[in-house]
Structures are given as structure tokens and as C-alpha cells.
Amino acid sequence: MPAFPNNKFRGTGEVNTWGARYRALMNKHPFLTFGLPFISVMVAASFVVTPATAVRYERNDRKVRQMTTDETLNLRRGARKVDMKEEYYRLAAKDLDDWQQRRVKRLPGEPDGIIE
């Protein structure tokens, strides 16, 4: 017989408690008494957290959304209404063939890009 036995002495009052029964079951079936409840809590938590995360992203989508071209043009309050067909015909009415290319005046000391 070893000097210190593995079995701990448990009194009669301690044998019938819930904790003692759980410890005995834990020694016999560790997965059923510890692993299965842990995994089930993790799975249940994922189902609880998913809708909360969805609400977070939906709220963010309501705040930040893609603007259409018309909405961006209408941001300036004092600007005139822009119609693409009208702009096309207004530019087409101008004489685009009669123009001259002119160089931009440079600041003193700034290189003008002419290779000599």
C-alpha cells in the first residue's frame, strides 16, 4: 500500500451533495459532463451574437451608403439643375474646331519644360 492513497476521504455528509455527484460523474464521463456543455454554450452563443452583429452592420449601412450621380450633383444648393443631354448639346453648339494652344505663364525661376 502506498504511503499516500489516491482516494480522498469524503465524509457521509459530503457524499450526497450535488458537487460530489458531479465530481464522480466527471471522473467517469469527462466529455458528457464538461465537454458537451461547453460546446453547447459556444454554439448557443454564436446564435445569440449573430443577430446582434447583423444589427450593427445594418445600422452602419444606413449611415454610410452609395450616392447616385443625381444626388451628388444636387448637394450644392445654389447650383443649377444639370441635365446631361442639355450639356451635350450646349457643348456641341460651340465651335470646338476654332481654338489655339497657349502656354501657361510660369512663375519666375520655375522651369517651363522647354528643352533647348
C-alpha atoms as a PDB file:
ATOM      1  CA  MET A   1       0.000   0.000   0.000  1.00  0.00           C
ATOM      2  CA  PRO A   2       1.388   3.428  -0.958  1.00  0.00           C
ATOM      3  CA  ALA A   3       2.121   5.956   1.743  1.00  0.00           C
ATOM      4  CA  PHE A   4      -0.454   8.424   0.402  1.00  0.00           C
ATOM      5  CA  PRO A   5      -3.544   6.829  -1.192  1.00  0.00           C
ATOM      6  CA  ASN A   6      -5.149   8.429  -4.297  1.00  0.00           C
ATOM      7  CA  ASN A   7      -8.662   8.262  -2.877  1.00  0.00           C
ATOM      8  CA  LYS A   8      -9.525  11.196  -0.689  1.00  0.00           C
ATOM      9  CA  PHE A   9     -11.613  10.619   2.389  1.00  0.00           C
ATOM     10  CA  ARG A  10     -15.075  12.045   1.986  1.00  0.00           C
ATOM     11  CA  GLY A  11     -17.478  12.058   4.896  1.00  0.00           C
ATOM     12  CA  THR A  12     -21.077  10.820   4.668  1.00  0.00           C
ATOM     13  CA  GLY A  13     -22.450  14.376   4.625  1.00  0.00           C
ATOM     14  CA  GLU A  14     -20.291  15.249   1.655  1.00  0.00           C
ATOM     15  CA  VAL A  15     -21.151  12.175  -0.464  1.00  0.00           C
ATOM     16  CA  ASN A  16     -24.779  13.134  -1.107  1.00  0.00           C
ATOM     17  CA  THR A  17     -24.183  16.705  -2.231  1.00  0.00           C
ATOM     18  CA  TRP A  18     -24.628  17.865  -5.809  1.00  0.00           C
ATOM     19  CA  GLY A  19     -20.937  18.715  -6.171  1.00  0.00           C
ATOM     20  CA  ALA A  20     -19.817  15.273  -5.059  1.00  0.00           C
ATOM     21  CA  ARG A  21     -22.147  13.571  -7.529  1.00  0.00           C
ATOM     22  CA  TYR A  22     -20.880  15.876 -10.310  1.00  0.00           C
ATOM     23  CA  ARG A  23     -17.241  15.084  -9.438  1.00  0.00           C
ATOM     24  CA  ALA A  24     -17.960  11.357  -9.572  1.00  0.00           C
ATOM     25  CA  LEU A  25     -19.671  11.736 -12.972  1.00  0.00           C
ATOM     26  CA  MET A  26     -16.785  13.909 -14.173  1.00  0.00           C
ATOM     27  CA  ASN A  27     -14.324  11.118 -13.397  1.00  0.00           C
ATOM     28  CA  LYS A  28     -16.452   8.536 -15.234  1.00  0.00           C
ATOM     29  CA  HIS A  29     -17.633  10.607 -18.252  1.00  0.00           C
ATOM     30  CA  PRO A  30     -15.495  13.745 -18.694  1.00  0.00           C
ATOM     31  CA  PHE A  31     -16.833  14.675 -22.167  1.00  0.00           C
ATOM     32  CA  LEU A  32     -20.515  14.406 -21.219  1.00  0.00           C
ATOM     33  CA  THR A  33     -20.137  16.413 -18.038  1.00  0.00           C
ATOM     34  CA  PHE A  34     -17.659  19.056 -19.204  1.00  0.00           C
ATOM     35  CA  GLY A  35     -17.083  18.986 -22.974  1.00  0.00           C
ATOM     36  CA  LEU A  36     -20.680  18.718 -24.156  1.00  0.00           C
ATOM     37  CA  PRO A  37     -21.998  21.606 -22.021  1.00  0.00           C
ATOM     38  CA  PHE A  38     -19.035  23.761 -23.086  1.00  0.00           C
ATOM     39  CA  ILE A  39     -19.591  23.092 -26.797  1.00  0.00           C
ATOM     40  CA  SER A  40     -23.345  23.640 -26.483  1.00  0.00           C
ATOM     41  CA  VAL A  41     -22.774  27.007 -24.767  1.00  0.00           C
ATOM     42  CA  MET A  42     -20.390  28.057 -27.573  1.00  0.00           C
ATOM     43  CA  VAL A  43     -22.893  27.089 -30.289  1.00  0.00           C
ATOM     44  CA  ALA A  44     -25.771  28.817 -28.496  1.00  0.00           C
ATOM     45  CA  ALA A  45     -23.658  31.953 -28.028  1.00  0.00           C
ATOM     46  CA  SER A  46     -22.891  32.084 -31.751  1.00  0.00           C
ATOM     47  CA  PHE A  47     -26.631  32.024 -32.499  1.00  0.00           C
ATOM     48  CA  VAL A  48     -27.212  34.832 -29.997  1.00  0.00           C
ATOM     49  CA  VAL A  49     -24.334  37.016 -31.225  1.00  0.00           C
ATOM     50  CA  THR A  50     -25.135  36.692 -34.964  1.00  0.00           C
ATOM     51  CA  PRO A  51     -28.295  38.877 -34.938  1.00  0.00           C
ATOM     52  CA  ALA A  52     -26.563  41.465 -32.754  1.00  0.00           C
ATOM     53  CA  THR A  53     -23.712  41.697 -35.249  1.00  0.00           C
ATOM     54  CA  ALA A  54     -26.176  41.945 -38.139  1.00  0.00           C
ATOM     55  CA  VAL A  55     -27.909  44.871 -36.419  1.00  0.00           C
ATOM     56  CA  ARG A  56     -24.548  46.601 -36.043  1.00  0.00           C
ATOM     57  CA  TYR A  57     -23.714  46.314 -39.738  1.00  0.00           C
ATOM     58  CA  GLU A  58     -27.233  47.293 -40.853  1.00  0.00           C
ATOM     59  CA  ARG A  59     -27.012  50.444 -38.731  1.00  0.00           C
ATOM     60  CA  ASN A  60     -23.666  51.272 -40.306  1.00  0.00           C
ATOM     61  CA  ASP A  61     -25.114  50.703 -43.791  1.00  0.00           C
ATOM     62  CA  ARG A  62     -27.926  53.151 -43.072  1.00  0.00           C
ATOM     63  CA  LYS A  63     -25.387  55.829 -42.143  1.00  0.00           C
ATOM     64  CA  VAL A  64     -22.925  55.190 -44.982  1.00  0.00           C
ATOM     65  CA  ARG A  65     -24.416  54.471 -48.380  1.00  0.00           C
ATOM     66  CA  GLN A  66     -23.514  54.936 -52.032  1.00  0.00           C
ATOM     67  CA  MET A  67     -24.790  58.176 -53.552  1.00  0.00           C
ATOM     68  CA  THR A  68     -26.169  58.310 -57.067  1.00  0.00           C
ATOM     69  CA  THR A  69     -24.882  60.816 -59.612  1.00  0.00           C
ATOM     70  CA  ASP A  70     -28.013  62.948 -59.291  1.00  0.00           C
ATOM     71  CA  GLU A  71     -27.622  63.129 -55.513  1.00  0.00           C
ATOM     72  CA  THR A  72     -24.007  64.263 -55.782  1.00  0.00           C
ATOM     73  CA  LEU A  73     -24.959  66.967 -58.283  1.00  0.00           C
ATOM     74  CA  ASN A  74     -27.769  68.182 -56.030  1.00  0.00           C
ATOM     75  CA  LEU A  75     -25.501  68.610 -52.983  1.00  0.00           C
ATOM     76  CA  ARG A  76     -24.756  72.213 -53.866  1.00  0.00           C
ATOM     77  CA  ARG A  77     -27.919  74.154 -53.070  1.00  0.00           C
ATOM     78  CA  GLY A  78     -27.273  77.204 -55.245  1.00  0.00           C
ATOM     79  CA  ALA A  79     -26.182  75.236 -58.312  1.00  0.00           C
ATOM     80  CA  ARG A  80     -28.397  74.948 -61.362  1.00  0.00           C
ATOM     81  CA  LYS A  81     -30.008  71.657 -62.297  1.00  0.00           C
ATOM     82  CA  VAL A  82     -27.722  69.642 -64.590  1.00  0.00           C
ATOM     83  CA  ASP A  83     -29.111  67.645 -67.477  1.00  0.00           C
ATOM     84  CA  MET A  84     -26.612  65.538 -69.436  1.00  0.00           C
ATOM     85  CA  LYS A  85     -28.420  65.937 -72.780  1.00  0.00           C
ATOM     86  CA  GLU A  86     -28.573  69.693 -72.343  1.00  0.00           C
ATOM     87  CA  GLU A  87     -24.846  69.822 -71.541  1.00  0.00           C
ATOM     88  CA  TYR A  88     -24.026  67.740 -74.603  1.00  0.00           C
ATOM     89  CA  TYR A  89     -25.978  69.990 -76.972  1.00  0.00           C
ATOM     90  CA  ARG A  90     -24.624  73.136 -75.322  1.00  0.00           C
ATOM     91  CA  LEU A  91     -21.055  71.972 -75.956  1.00  0.00           C
ATOM     92  CA  ALA A  92     -21.942  70.799 -79.470  1.00  0.00           C
ATOM     93  CA  ALA A  93     -23.275  74.273 -80.297  1.00  0.00           C
ATOM     94  CA  LYS A  94     -19.890  75.829 -79.520  1.00  0.00           C
ATOM     95  CA  ASP A  95     -17.280  75.987 -82.244  1.00  0.00           C
ATOM     96  CA  LEU A  96     -14.751  73.440 -80.969  1.00  0.00           C
ATOM     97  CA  ASP A  97     -12.617  73.482 -84.126  1.00  0.00           C
ATOM     98  CA  ASP A  98     -11.500  77.094 -83.772  1.00  0.00           C
ATOM     99  CA  TRP A  99      -9.038  77.179 -80.868  1.00  0.00           C
ATOM    100  CA  GLN A 100      -5.402  77.947 -80.159  1.00  0.00           C
ATOM    101  CA  GLN A 101      -2.982  76.192 -77.885  1.00  0.00           C
ATOM    102  CA  ARG A 102      -1.314  78.645 -75.492  1.00  0.00           C
ATOM    103  CA  ARG A 103       1.359  78.022 -72.928  1.00  0.00           C
ATOM    104  CA  VAL A 104       0.618  78.813 -69.296  1.00  0.00           C
ATOM    105  CA  LYS A 105       2.696  81.669 -67.916  1.00  0.00           C
ATOM    106  CA  ARG A 106       5.245  80.323 -65.415  1.00  0.00           C
ATOM    107  CA  LEU A 107       6.371  81.875 -62.162  1.00  0.00           C
ATOM    108  CA  PRO A 108       9.870  83.424 -62.126  1.00  0.00           C
ATOM    109  CA  GLY A 109      12.525  80.721 -61.686  1.00  0.00           C
ATOM    110  CA  GLU A 110      10.107  77.874 -62.440  1.00  0.00           C
ATOM    111  CA  PRO A 111      11.184  75.571 -65.293  1.00  0.00           C
ATOM    112  CA  ASP A 112       8.883  75.853 -68.282  1.00  0.00           C
ATOM    113  CA  GLY A 113       9.547  72.414 -69.709  1.00  0.00           C
ATOM    114  CA  ILE A 114      11.075  73.584 -72.992  1.00  0.00           C
ATOM    115  CA  ILE A 115      14.091  71.511 -73.982  1.00  0.00           C
ATOM    116  CA  GLU A 116      16.745  73.652 -75.677  1.00  0.00           C
END
